[in-house]
C-alpha cells in the first residue's frame, strides 16, 4: 500500500548536520545506575572512504559482571580500544577496495591493461555484488563507471560556500562512457581481468555498505550488543539502545531513532525518525555532493549512458533492511535514485526484505509499505 506525505506534514525538526538523531554523543558515561535515556554511549569519529565515519557503543555483553565493576574511565578505555580496532578494519578494507589507492586490489585491476590480477576473497565478494546490481538495474547501476567519475569533482558545493567544479567536455564523457560495461569484468576464482583494458572499476556505490557490514560483524565479535556504525550515512544499528554500557540479561533496550535528512533543508533538517533495532539504513541523494554552474546543478550520481548526472525526479532514497544487508542497501539506494520514483519503487517492492523512503523534487515523501513506521 502506498502512502504519500507532503513535506509540511513530515518535517520534524531543524538539526544542523545531523543524520542520526540523539545517537552520536562524544563523551562516555558510567555503566551503573543508568536508564535508557541517560546512556549517551561512547563514541569515536574518524575519516575513511572520503567521508566522516563514527562508531558509538551503547552496550557490551557482561555475562560475568567484569564490566559492571569497571570505573567510568576504564569502561571508556575498553570501548575506545574496540572502536579503534574497528576503524583499523575499515582502513584495511579501504586499502583493498579504493580505486584511488595505488596498491589496492581495485587499482591493480584498473591498471593491469586487461591482464588478470589475483585479489582477496573480499574484493571478489564486492565485485560480484556490484555486478549483481548491474543486472538487477538493467545496467543503470554499473561499477565500471570509473573513467566517467574521474572527469568530475563534486567535493565543493553550494552549502560549503564554494561554487567550484568544472563540467567535462562532451567528447571526453562520450569516450569514458564507451568503456562502461560491468560485463567487461571477468572473474575466475580469485583472478580478475577486464576484457576492455580501458574499463575502470569504481566501487563508490557499494563499498561503504560492505565495509559497514564488516565493521558491525567485528564489533559483535568483540562483545558489542548495542551500537551504531555510521560510515558517511551508511548506518548499521546493532541491537537496540541499551540502558547501560555493561549490558546484562535484564538490561532495558529501546529502539534507536535514525533520522532521514530533509534534502530541501539548507540547515540539516530532518524529515522523519525511523525506530530501528538490528537494522541497516542507507540513503543516497543528489543533495550530498554537487556543484552549480551557470544556474545548473550537477550532482554526483552519473547516468551510465551519458556520463552526465542522471536526470531523476528523486532527491533522495533511503533503503531499510535487516542488519547484514548494508551492501545491498547501498547498491539499491543508488540504483533507485538513478531509476527514478516509479521504476525504483517497483524494484524495491519486487525484492523481499527491503523497504524504501523516496523524497521527490517537491519534497513529497513516498514509502514502499505500511511496514515503515515513523516516530
Protein backbone atom coordinates (compact mmCIF):
# COMPACT_ATOMS: atom_id res chain seq x y z
CA UNK A 1 0.00 0.00 0.00
CA UNK A 2 1.31 3.41 -0.96
CA UNK A 3 1.30 6.45 1.30
CA UNK A 4 2.26 9.93 0.23
CA UNK A 5 3.15 12.70 2.68
CA UNK A 6 3.84 16.30 1.89
CA UNK A 7 6.95 17.98 3.26
CA UNK A 8 4.75 20.14 5.51
CA UNK A 9 3.45 17.16 7.45
CA UNK A 10 6.64 15.14 7.78
CA UNK A 11 9.26 17.68 8.66
CA UNK A 12 10.23 17.13 12.28
CA UNK A 13 12.98 19.49 13.27
CA UNK A 14 15.95 21.51 12.18
CA UNK A 15 19.16 19.95 13.44
CA UNK A 16 22.26 21.17 11.63
CA UNK A 17 24.49 18.49 10.13
CA UNK A 18 22.66 15.60 11.80
CA UNK A 19 21.86 12.37 10.01
CA UNK A 20 21.36 10.32 13.15
CA UNK A 21 19.22 11.85 15.86
CA UNK A 22 20.09 11.51 19.51
CA UNK A 23 22.71 8.83 18.95
CA UNK A 24 26.10 10.46 18.31
CA UNK A 25 27.32 11.95 21.59
CA UNK A 26 31.04 12.45 22.14
CA UNK A 27 31.51 11.54 25.79
CA UNK A 28 31.43 8.38 27.86
CA UNK A 29 29.10 7.75 30.77
CA UNK A 30 29.22 5.42 33.75
CA UNK A 31 27.99 1.88 33.38
CA UNK A 32 25.87 1.63 36.54
CA UNK A 33 22.60 3.14 37.67
CA UNK A 34 21.52 4.41 34.26
CA UNK A 35 18.23 4.37 32.43
CA UNK A 36 17.76 4.15 28.66
CA UNK A 37 17.52 7.90 28.25
CA UNK A 38 20.75 8.66 30.10
CA UNK A 39 23.08 6.22 28.33
CA UNK A 40 24.86 8.57 25.95
CA UNK A 41 27.18 5.89 24.64
CA UNK A 42 30.90 6.04 23.96
CA UNK A 43 31.74 7.43 20.55
CA UNK A 44 34.70 8.00 18.28
CA UNK A 45 34.93 9.64 14.86
CA UNK A 46 37.36 9.04 12.00
CA UNK A 47 37.77 9.86 8.33
CA UNK A 48 37.69 6.96 5.90
CA UNK A 49 36.26 6.33 2.44
CA UNK A 50 36.36 10.05 1.71
CA UNK A 51 33.77 10.75 4.41
CA UNK A 52 33.32 11.26 8.16
CA UNK A 53 32.64 7.99 9.97
CA UNK A 54 31.59 7.33 13.54
CA UNK A 55 31.00 4.37 15.81
CA UNK A 56 29.09 4.70 19.08
CA UNK A 57 28.91 1.83 21.56
CA UNK A 58 25.94 1.69 23.94
CA UNK A 59 26.27 -1.82 25.32
CA UNK A 60 28.81 -4.62 25.84
CA UNK A 61 27.86 -8.13 26.91
CA UNK A 62 28.69 -8.56 30.59
CA UNK A 63 27.89 -12.15 31.45
CA UNK A 64 30.42 -12.44 34.26
CA UNK A 65 29.98 -8.95 35.76
CA UNK A 66 33.53 -7.88 34.90
CA UNK A 67 32.44 -4.76 33.04
CA UNK A 68 29.96 -3.61 35.67
CA UNK A 69 32.83 -3.45 38.17
CA UNK A 70 34.80 -1.05 35.97
CA UNK A 71 35.09 2.65 36.62
CA UNK A 72 33.80 5.12 34.04
CA UNK A 73 37.35 5.73 32.78
CA UNK A 74 38.05 2.00 32.44
CA UNK A 75 34.81 1.48 30.54
CA UNK A 76 35.61 4.38 28.25
CA UNK A 77 39.06 2.93 27.51
CA UNK A 78 37.58 -0.51 26.80
CA UNK A 79 35.13 0.91 24.27
CA UNK A 80 37.68 3.19 22.64
CA UNK A 81 40.03 0.24 22.08
CA UNK A 82 37.26 -1.73 20.39
CA UNK A 83 36.26 1.22 18.18
CA UNK A 84 39.88 1.94 17.28
CA UNK A 85 40.33 -1.67 16.15
CA UNK A 86 37.10 -1.47 14.15
CA UNK A 87 38.40 1.66 12.41
CA UNK A 88 41.63 -0.17 11.62
CA UNK A 89 39.49 -2.80 9.91
CA UNK A 90 37.70 -0.07 7.94
CA UNK A 91 41.09 1.26 6.85
CA UNK A 92 42.18 -2.20 5.72
CA UNK A 93 39.08 -2.54 3.56
CA UNK A 94 39.57 0.94 2.15
CA UNK A 95 43.13 -0.02 1.19
CA UNK A 96 41.68 -3.06 -0.54
CA UNK A 97 38.68 -1.52 -2.36
CA UNK A 98 39.51 2.13 -3.10
CA UNK A 99 40.41 2.83 -6.71
CA UNK A 100 42.48 5.88 -5.67
CA UNK A 101 44.95 3.88 -3.54
CA UNK A 102 47.59 2.57 -5.96
CA UNK A 103 48.23 -0.67 -4.07
CA UNK A 104 44.55 -1.60 -3.67
CA UNK A 105 43.04 -4.61 -5.41
CA UNK A 106 40.80 -2.32 -7.48
CA UNK A 107 43.62 -0.02 -8.59
CA UNK A 108 45.73 -3.01 -9.57
CA UNK A 109 42.87 -4.39 -11.70
CA UNK A 110 42.29 -1.00 -13.31
CA UNK A 111 46.00 -0.55 -14.12
CA UNK A 112 46.64 -4.09 -15.38
CA UNK A 113 45.71 -3.28 -19.01
CA UNK A 114 43.45 -6.32 -19.22
CA UNK A 115 45.80 -8.80 -17.56
CA UNK A 116 44.43 -10.99 -14.77
CA UNK A 117 45.13 -9.87 -11.20
CA UNK A 118 44.88 -12.03 -8.07
CA UNK A 119 42.78 -10.33 -5.40
CA UNK A 120 41.27 -11.08 -1.98
CA UNK A 121 38.10 -13.05 -1.31
CA UNK A 122 36.52 -9.85 -0.01
CA UNK A 123 37.23 -7.97 -3.24
CA UNK A 124 35.67 -10.80 -5.23
CA UNK A 125 32.61 -10.64 -2.99
CA UNK A 126 32.13 -6.91 -3.54
CA UNK A 127 32.72 -7.16 -7.29
CA UNK A 128 30.12 -9.90 -7.59
CA UNK A 129 27.67 -7.86 -5.54
CA UNK A 130 28.24 -4.83 -7.77
CA UNK A 131 27.70 -6.92 -10.90
CA UNK A 132 24.53 -8.35 -9.37
CA UNK A 133 23.11 -4.85 -9.06
CA UNK A 134 24.19 -4.12 -12.60
CA UNK A 135 21.98 -6.97 -13.77
CA UNK A 136 19.19 -6.11 -11.34
CA UNK A 137 19.05 -2.50 -12.52
CA UNK A 138 19.29 -3.27 -16.22
CA UNK A 139 22.65 -1.51 -16.27
CA UNK A 140 21.52 1.70 -14.54
CA UNK A 141 23.96 0.82 -11.72
CA UNK A 142 27.39 -0.01 -13.09
CA UNK A 143 30.60 -0.33 -11.10
CA UNK A 144 32.68 0.27 -14.26
CA UNK A 145 31.70 3.97 -14.31
CA UNK A 146 35.21 4.87 -13.10
CA UNK A 147 36.52 6.73 -16.15
CA UNK A 148 33.46 8.97 -16.18
CA UNK A 149 33.68 9.75 -12.45
CA UNK A 150 37.35 10.67 -12.93
CA UNK A 151 36.24 13.60 -15.11
CA UNK A 152 34.12 15.16 -12.35
CA UNK A 153 34.94 16.72 -8.98
CA UNK A 154 31.98 17.19 -6.65
CA UNK A 155 33.83 17.94 -3.42
CA UNK A 156 32.98 21.65 -3.49
CA UNK A 157 29.30 22.55 -3.21
CA UNK A 158 26.98 25.46 -2.55
CA UNK A 159 26.43 24.53 1.11
CA UNK A 160 30.12 24.95 1.86
CA UNK A 161 30.14 28.35 0.19
CA UNK A 162 32.15 27.17 -2.81
CA UNK A 163 30.70 27.05 -6.29
CA UNK A 164 33.66 25.08 -7.75
CA UNK A 165 33.51 22.25 -10.21
CA UNK A 166 34.11 22.03 -13.94
CA UNK A 167 31.75 20.43 -16.46
CA UNK A 168 33.75 17.93 -18.56
CA UNK A 169 33.85 18.19 -22.35
CA UNK A 170 31.14 16.15 -24.03
CA UNK A 171 33.65 14.27 -26.20
CA UNK A 172 35.59 13.22 -23.11
CA UNK A 173 32.42 11.91 -21.49
CA UNK A 174 31.45 10.02 -24.64
CA UNK A 175 34.85 8.33 -24.67
CA UNK A 176 34.65 7.46 -20.98
CA UNK A 177 31.14 6.01 -21.30
CA UNK A 178 32.20 3.81 -24.22
CA UNK A 179 34.21 1.74 -21.72
CA UNK A 180 31.37 1.32 -19.18
CA UNK A 181 30.03 -2.23 -19.03
CA UNK A 182 30.10 -4.38 -15.92
CA UNK A 183 30.19 -7.46 -18.17
CA UNK A 184 33.75 -6.44 -19.05
CA UNK A 185 34.73 -7.81 -15.63
CA UNK A 186 35.83 -11.43 -15.80
CA UNK A 187 36.25 -13.40 -12.57
CA UNK A 188 37.93 -16.81 -12.42
CA UNK A 189 38.43 -17.92 -8.85
CA UNK A 190 40.37 -15.07 -7.26
CA UNK A 191 41.71 -13.71 -10.54
CA UNK A 192 40.05 -10.70 -12.13
CA UNK A 193 40.61 -9.22 -15.57
CA UNK A 194 38.96 -6.59 -17.77
CA UNK A 195 38.12 -7.56 -21.35
CA UNK A 196 38.33 -3.87 -22.24
CA UNK A 197 41.69 -2.62 -20.89
CA UNK A 198 40.29 0.95 -20.70
CA UNK A 199 37.44 -0.04 -18.41
CA UNK A 200 37.80 1.31 -14.86
CA UNK A 201 36.08 -0.04 -11.76
CA UNK A 202 34.76 2.31 -9.07
CA UNK A 203 33.08 0.70 -6.04
CA UNK A 204 31.90 4.01 -4.57
CA UNK A 205 28.25 2.98 -4.85
CA UNK A 206 28.58 -0.17 -2.78
CA UNK A 207 31.86 -0.38 -0.84
CA UNK A 208 30.78 1.72 2.16
CA UNK A 209 27.81 -0.56 2.78
CA UNK A 210 30.01 -3.63 2.56
CA UNK A 211 32.54 -2.16 5.00
CA UNK A 212 29.75 -1.10 7.38
CA UNK A 213 28.55 -4.72 7.47
CA UNK A 214 32.07 -5.95 8.20
CA UNK A 215 32.62 -3.36 10.93
CA UNK A 216 29.35 -4.38 12.60
CA UNK A 217 30.33 -8.06 12.44
CA UNK A 218 33.66 -7.24 14.06
CA UNK A 219 32.05 -5.25 16.87
CA UNK A 220 29.79 -8.19 17.66
CA UNK A 221 32.81 -10.50 17.80
CA UNK A 222 34.26 -8.13 20.43
CA UNK A 223 31.14 -8.46 22.58
CA UNK A 224 29.25 -5.35 21.44
CA UNK A 225 25.49 -5.85 21.78
CA UNK A 226 24.32 -2.27 21.25
CA UNK A 227 25.94 0.21 18.87
CA UNK A 228 25.58 2.47 15.86
CA UNK A 229 28.00 2.26 12.95
CA UNK A 230 27.76 5.29 10.67
CA UNK A 231 30.02 5.29 7.62
CA UNK A 232 29.07 8.51 5.91
CA UNK A 233 25.33 7.85 6.15
CA UNK A 234 25.54 4.07 5.74
CA UNK A 235 24.11 3.21 9.13
CA UNK A 236 24.00 -0.12 10.94
CA UNK A 237 22.15 -0.49 14.24
CA UNK A 238 23.47 -3.36 16.36
CA UNK A 239 20.62 -4.37 18.66
CA UNK A 240 18.65 -1.55 20.25
CA UNK A 241 19.82 1.18 22.60
CA UNK A 242 20.68 -0.33 26.00
CA UNK A 243 20.11 1.28 29.35
CA UNK A 244 23.74 0.80 30.41
CA UNK A 245 27.11 0.12 28.81
CA UNK A 246 27.70 -3.08 30.79
CA UNK A 247 24.71 -4.96 29.37
CA UNK A 248 23.42 -7.84 31.48
CA UNK A 249 20.42 -10.05 30.85
CA UNK A 250 17.95 -7.64 32.42
CA UNK A 251 19.24 -4.52 30.63
CA UNK A 252 16.49 -2.33 29.23
CA UNK A 253 16.57 -1.82 25.48
CA UNK A 254 14.78 0.74 23.34
CA UNK A 255 14.74 1.48 19.63
CA UNK A 256 17.43 3.62 18.07
CA UNK A 257 15.97 6.54 16.15
CA UNK A 258 17.57 7.05 12.75
CA UNK A 259 16.89 10.38 11.09
CA UNK A 260 16.14 10.85 7.39
CA UNK A 261 17.58 14.16 6.26
CA UNK A 262 15.35 16.65 4.51
CA UNK A 263 17.09 17.09 1.12
CA UNK A 264 15.46 20.52 0.67
CA UNK A 265 16.71 21.84 4.02
CA UNK A 266 19.82 24.01 3.91
CA UNK A 267 20.29 23.67 7.67
CA UNK A 268 20.29 19.90 8.13
CA UNK A 269 16.61 19.49 8.98
CA UNK A 270 15.10 16.03 9.36
CA UNK A 271 12.04 14.69 7.60
CA UNK A 272 11.35 11.77 9.93
CA UNK A 273 12.81 9.44 12.54
CA UNK A 274 12.74 5.70 11.94
CA UNK A 275 12.82 3.42 15.02
CA UNK A 276 15.38 0.65 14.49
CA UNK A 277 16.75 -2.49 16.12
CA UNK A 278 19.20 -4.70 14.27
CA UNK A 279 18.60 -2.79 11.05
CA UNK A 280 20.65 -1.08 8.38
CA UNK A 281 19.56 2.26 6.90
CA UNK A 282 21.27 3.70 3.82
CA UNK A 283 20.46 6.93 1.99
CA UNK A 284 21.60 8.13 -1.42
CA UNK A 285 20.79 11.66 -2.53
CA UNK A 286 21.53 14.20 -5.22
CA UNK A 287 21.98 16.80 -2.46
CA UNK A 288 25.02 15.10 -0.94
CA UNK A 289 27.75 16.08 -3.40
CA UNK A 290 27.22 18.57 -6.18
CA UNK A 291 28.20 21.92 -7.64
CA UNK A 292 26.32 24.61 -9.53
CA UNK A 293 27.49 26.17 -12.78
CA UNK A 294 25.63 28.78 -14.82
CA UNK A 295 22.45 28.06 -12.89
CA UNK A 296 22.62 24.29 -13.43
CA UNK A 297 23.07 21.85 -10.55
CA UNK A 298 25.44 18.92 -11.24
CA UNK A 299 25.18 16.07 -8.71
CA UNK A 300 27.42 13.01 -8.31
CA UNK A 301 25.06 10.21 -9.43
CA UNK A 302 26.02 9.72 -13.08
CA UNK A 303 23.99 8.35 -15.97
CA UNK A 304 25.88 5.36 -17.37
CA UNK A 305 24.61 6.22 -20.87
CA UNK A 306 25.77 9.85 -20.99
CA UNK A 307 28.31 10.42 -18.23
CA UNK A 308 26.32 13.43 -17.05
CA UNK A 309 24.41 13.50 -13.73
CA UNK A 310 21.34 11.31 -14.07
CA UNK A 311 18.07 13.13 -14.76
CA UNK A 312 15.84 11.89 -11.96
CA UNK A 313 12.66 13.01 -10.21
CA UNK A 314 14.09 11.80 -6.88
CA UNK A 315 16.15 13.85 -4.43
CA UNK A 316 16.89 11.03 -2.01
CA UNK A 317 16.23 7.34 -1.48
CA UNK A 318 16.51 5.63 1.90
CA UNK A 319 16.61 1.84 1.97
CA UNK A 320 15.91 -0.12 5.18
CA UNK A 321 16.68 -3.81 5.73
CA UNK A 322 17.83 -6.24 8.39
CA UNK A 323 21.37 -5.87 9.70
CA UNK A 324 23.90 -7.55 7.44
CA UNK A 325 22.35 -6.08 4.28
CA UNK A 326 24.11 -2.71 4.21
CA UNK A 327 25.98 -3.51 0.98
CA UNK A 328 22.68 -4.40 -0.68
CA UNK A 329 21.04 -1.25 0.68
CA UNK A 330 23.96 0.83 -0.61
CA UNK A 331 23.67 -0.54 -4.13
CA UNK A 332 19.88 -0.46 -4.09
CA UNK A 333 19.62 3.16 -2.92
CA UNK A 334 21.89 4.37 -5.72
CA UNK A 335 20.06 2.17 -8.24
CA UNK A 336 16.65 3.52 -7.23
CA UNK A 337 17.82 7.11 -7.42
CA UNK A 338 19.06 6.50 -10.96
CA UNK A 339 15.86 4.71 -11.98
CA UNK A 340 13.53 7.39 -10.60
CA UNK A 341 10.46 7.17 -8.37
CA UNK A 342 8.21 4.85 -10.39
CA UNK A 343 10.75 2.25 -11.54
CA UNK A 344 12.73 2.47 -8.31
CA UNK A 345 9.69 1.84 -6.13
CA UNK A 346 8.67 -1.03 -8.39
CA UNK A 347 12.11 -2.59 -7.94
CA UNK A 348 12.05 -2.29 -4.14
CA UNK A 349 8.60 -3.87 -3.94
CA UNK A 350 9.81 -6.80 -6.04
CA UNK A 351 12.56 -7.60 -3.53
CA UNK A 352 11.93 -9.42 -0.26
CA UNK A 353 13.19 -7.86 2.94
CA UNK A 354 13.70 -4.28 1.75
CA UNK A 355 11.72 -1.10 2.41
CA UNK A 356 12.23 2.36 0.96
CA UNK A 357 11.51 6.02 1.60
CA UNK A 358 11.65 8.22 -1.52
CA UNK A 359 11.72 12.03 -1.48
CA UNK A 360 10.85 13.72 -4.77
CA UNK A 361 11.89 17.12 -6.12
CA UNK A 362 8.92 18.82 -4.43
CA UNK A 363 9.77 17.35 -1.03
CA UNK A 364 6.94 14.81 -1.13
CA UNK A 365 7.65 11.50 0.59
CA UNK A 366 6.56 8.09 -0.66
CA UNK A 367 7.05 4.88 1.31
CA UNK A 368 7.15 1.34 -0.01
CA UNK A 369 4.69 -0.16 2.50
CA UNK A 370 2.93 0.23 5.84
CA UNK A 371 5.80 -1.70 7.45
CA UNK A 372 7.69 1.59 7.70
CA UNK A 373 6.89 3.26 11.00
CA UNK A 374 7.92 6.83 11.72
CA UNK A 375 8.49 8.04 15.25
